[in-house]
């Protein structure tokens, strides 16, 4: 059974940092791009960032460029989202996702194969 388990969410003040982790288990994700989406209360789920299976290619939403960095540890089957300079509008449930394929620039346009259950990030002003 495939599982994506997020961790690292929490409450932080504006301007602070958090690092989210997503541990994948149940299969090898070496040919899967992985990424993050988020959903704020009353809003649709939106794409945040993605990374190719090799870790070489990354792709981010304009709203987080320069503040968030996605990375992955292939040996650990884990993807990370380093979030700096957090703003109140970053408050949301953050979901990890995986999709088979090469590259990462298409990640916001496809339906992922797998989803995590989400982790809450709350940024206070």
Protein backbone atom coordinates (compact mmCIF):
# COMPACT_ATOMS: atom_id res chain seq x y z
CA UNK A 1 0.00 0.00 0.00
CA UNK A 2 1.40 3.35 -1.05
CA UNK A 3 1.56 6.04 1.59
CA UNK A 4 2.70 9.64 1.56
CA UNK A 5 3.03 11.01 5.08
CA UNK A 6 3.61 14.71 5.66
CA UNK A 7 5.14 16.23 8.77
CA UNK A 8 6.60 19.52 9.94
CA UNK A 9 3.55 21.73 9.91
CA UNK A 10 2.70 24.04 12.77
CA UNK A 11 2.16 27.59 13.93
CA UNK A 12 4.74 30.25 13.09
CA UNK A 13 4.86 34.03 13.09
CA UNK A 14 5.03 36.00 9.89
CA UNK A 15 8.59 36.14 8.61
CA UNK A 16 9.42 32.79 10.16
CA UNK A 17 10.36 29.46 8.61
CA UNK A 18 9.14 25.89 8.54
CA UNK A 19 10.35 22.76 6.79
CA UNK A 20 7.81 20.22 5.64
CA UNK A 21 8.73 16.62 4.98
CA UNK A 22 6.92 13.97 2.98
CA UNK A 23 7.97 10.37 3.47
CA UNK A 24 6.88 7.94 0.79
CA UNK A 25 6.51 4.24 1.42
CA UNK A 26 5.05 1.18 -0.23
CA UNK A 27 6.94 1.46 -3.49
CA UNK A 28 9.99 3.03 -5.06
CA UNK A 29 9.37 6.58 -6.24
CA UNK A 30 12.51 6.81 -8.31
CA UNK A 31 10.52 7.49 -11.49
CA UNK A 32 8.00 9.79 -9.87
CA UNK A 33 7.96 13.54 -9.75
CA UNK A 34 6.82 14.77 -6.36
CA UNK A 35 5.34 18.02 -5.24
CA UNK A 36 3.29 20.08 -2.86
CA UNK A 37 -0.16 21.60 -3.07
CA UNK A 38 -2.01 23.66 -0.48
CA UNK A 39 -5.58 24.50 0.35
CA UNK A 40 -6.67 27.45 2.44
CA UNK A 41 -10.11 27.60 4.07
CA UNK A 42 -12.78 28.40 1.51
CA UNK A 43 -10.36 28.21 -1.40
CA UNK A 44 -9.47 25.66 -4.02
CA UNK A 45 -6.40 23.52 -3.74
CA UNK A 46 -3.44 25.18 -5.47
CA UNK A 47 -0.06 24.07 -6.69
CA UNK A 48 3.00 25.12 -4.70
CA UNK A 49 6.11 23.37 -5.99
CA UNK A 50 7.34 20.20 -7.70
CA UNK A 51 10.59 18.35 -8.23
CA UNK A 52 11.62 15.79 -10.83
CA UNK A 53 12.44 12.24 -9.92
CA UNK A 54 16.17 12.99 -10.29
CA UNK A 55 15.95 16.11 -8.13
CA UNK A 56 17.54 18.19 -10.88
CA UNK A 57 14.45 19.97 -12.14
CA UNK A 58 12.18 22.06 -9.92
CA UNK A 59 9.11 24.17 -10.60
CA UNK A 60 7.35 26.58 -8.28
CA UNK A 61 4.30 28.78 -8.22
CA UNK A 62 4.99 32.49 -8.62
CA UNK A 63 3.53 33.17 -5.19
CA UNK A 64 6.30 31.22 -3.45
CA UNK A 65 9.30 31.78 -5.71
CA UNK A 66 12.28 33.10 -3.78
CA UNK A 67 10.75 32.00 -0.47
CA UNK A 68 10.07 28.25 -0.76
CA UNK A 69 12.56 25.60 -1.86
CA UNK A 70 11.69 22.03 -2.75
CA UNK A 71 14.23 19.22 -2.53
CA UNK A 72 14.29 15.45 -2.26
CA UNK A 73 16.40 12.66 -0.83
CA UNK A 74 16.02 9.77 -3.25
CA UNK A 75 17.63 7.25 -0.91
CA UNK A 76 15.15 8.15 1.83
CA UNK A 77 12.13 8.42 -0.50
CA UNK A 78 11.50 11.81 1.08
CA UNK A 79 10.70 15.24 -0.34
CA UNK A 80 11.07 18.48 1.57
CA UNK A 81 9.60 21.95 1.34
CA UNK A 82 11.68 24.63 3.02
CA UNK A 83 9.45 27.65 3.61
CA UNK A 84 11.07 30.97 4.52
CA UNK A 85 9.68 34.48 4.94
CA UNK A 86 6.27 33.05 5.64
CA UNK A 87 3.21 35.26 5.26
CA UNK A 88 -0.28 34.96 6.75
CA UNK A 89 -1.58 34.15 3.26
CA UNK A 90 0.56 31.00 3.29
CA UNK A 91 -1.77 29.58 5.92
CA UNK A 92 -3.24 26.36 4.54
CA UNK A 93 -3.22 22.60 4.70
CA UNK A 94 -0.22 21.44 2.69
CA UNK A 95 -0.47 18.19 0.74
CA UNK A 96 2.29 16.06 -0.69
CA UNK A 97 1.67 14.41 -4.06
CA UNK A 98 3.41 12.06 -6.48
CA UNK A 99 2.99 11.54 -10.22
CA UNK A 100 4.88 9.19 -12.49
CA UNK A 101 6.85 11.02 -15.15
CA UNK A 102 9.97 12.95 -16.04
CA UNK A 103 10.62 16.59 -15.36
CA UNK A 104 8.48 18.79 -13.14
CA UNK A 105 7.05 21.72 -15.12
CA UNK A 106 3.82 19.87 -15.90
CA UNK A 107 3.06 18.96 -12.29
CA UNK A 108 0.48 21.71 -11.78
CA UNK A 109 -1.52 20.56 -14.81
CA UNK A 110 -2.05 16.88 -14.01
CA UNK A 111 -3.86 14.81 -11.44
CA UNK A 112 -1.32 13.21 -9.11
CA UNK A 113 -1.28 9.44 -8.72
CA UNK A 114 -0.93 9.63 -4.95
CA UNK A 115 -1.78 12.15 -2.22
CA UNK A 116 -0.82 12.54 1.39
CA UNK A 117 -3.37 13.42 4.05
CA UNK A 118 -1.99 16.90 4.64
CA UNK A 119 -0.32 18.94 7.35
CA UNK A 120 -1.56 22.27 8.70
CA UNK A 121 0.58 25.38 8.39
CA UNK A 122 -0.63 28.48 10.21
CA UNK A 123 1.17 31.82 9.92
CA UNK A 124 0.16 34.49 12.40
CA UNK A 125 0.51 38.19 11.69
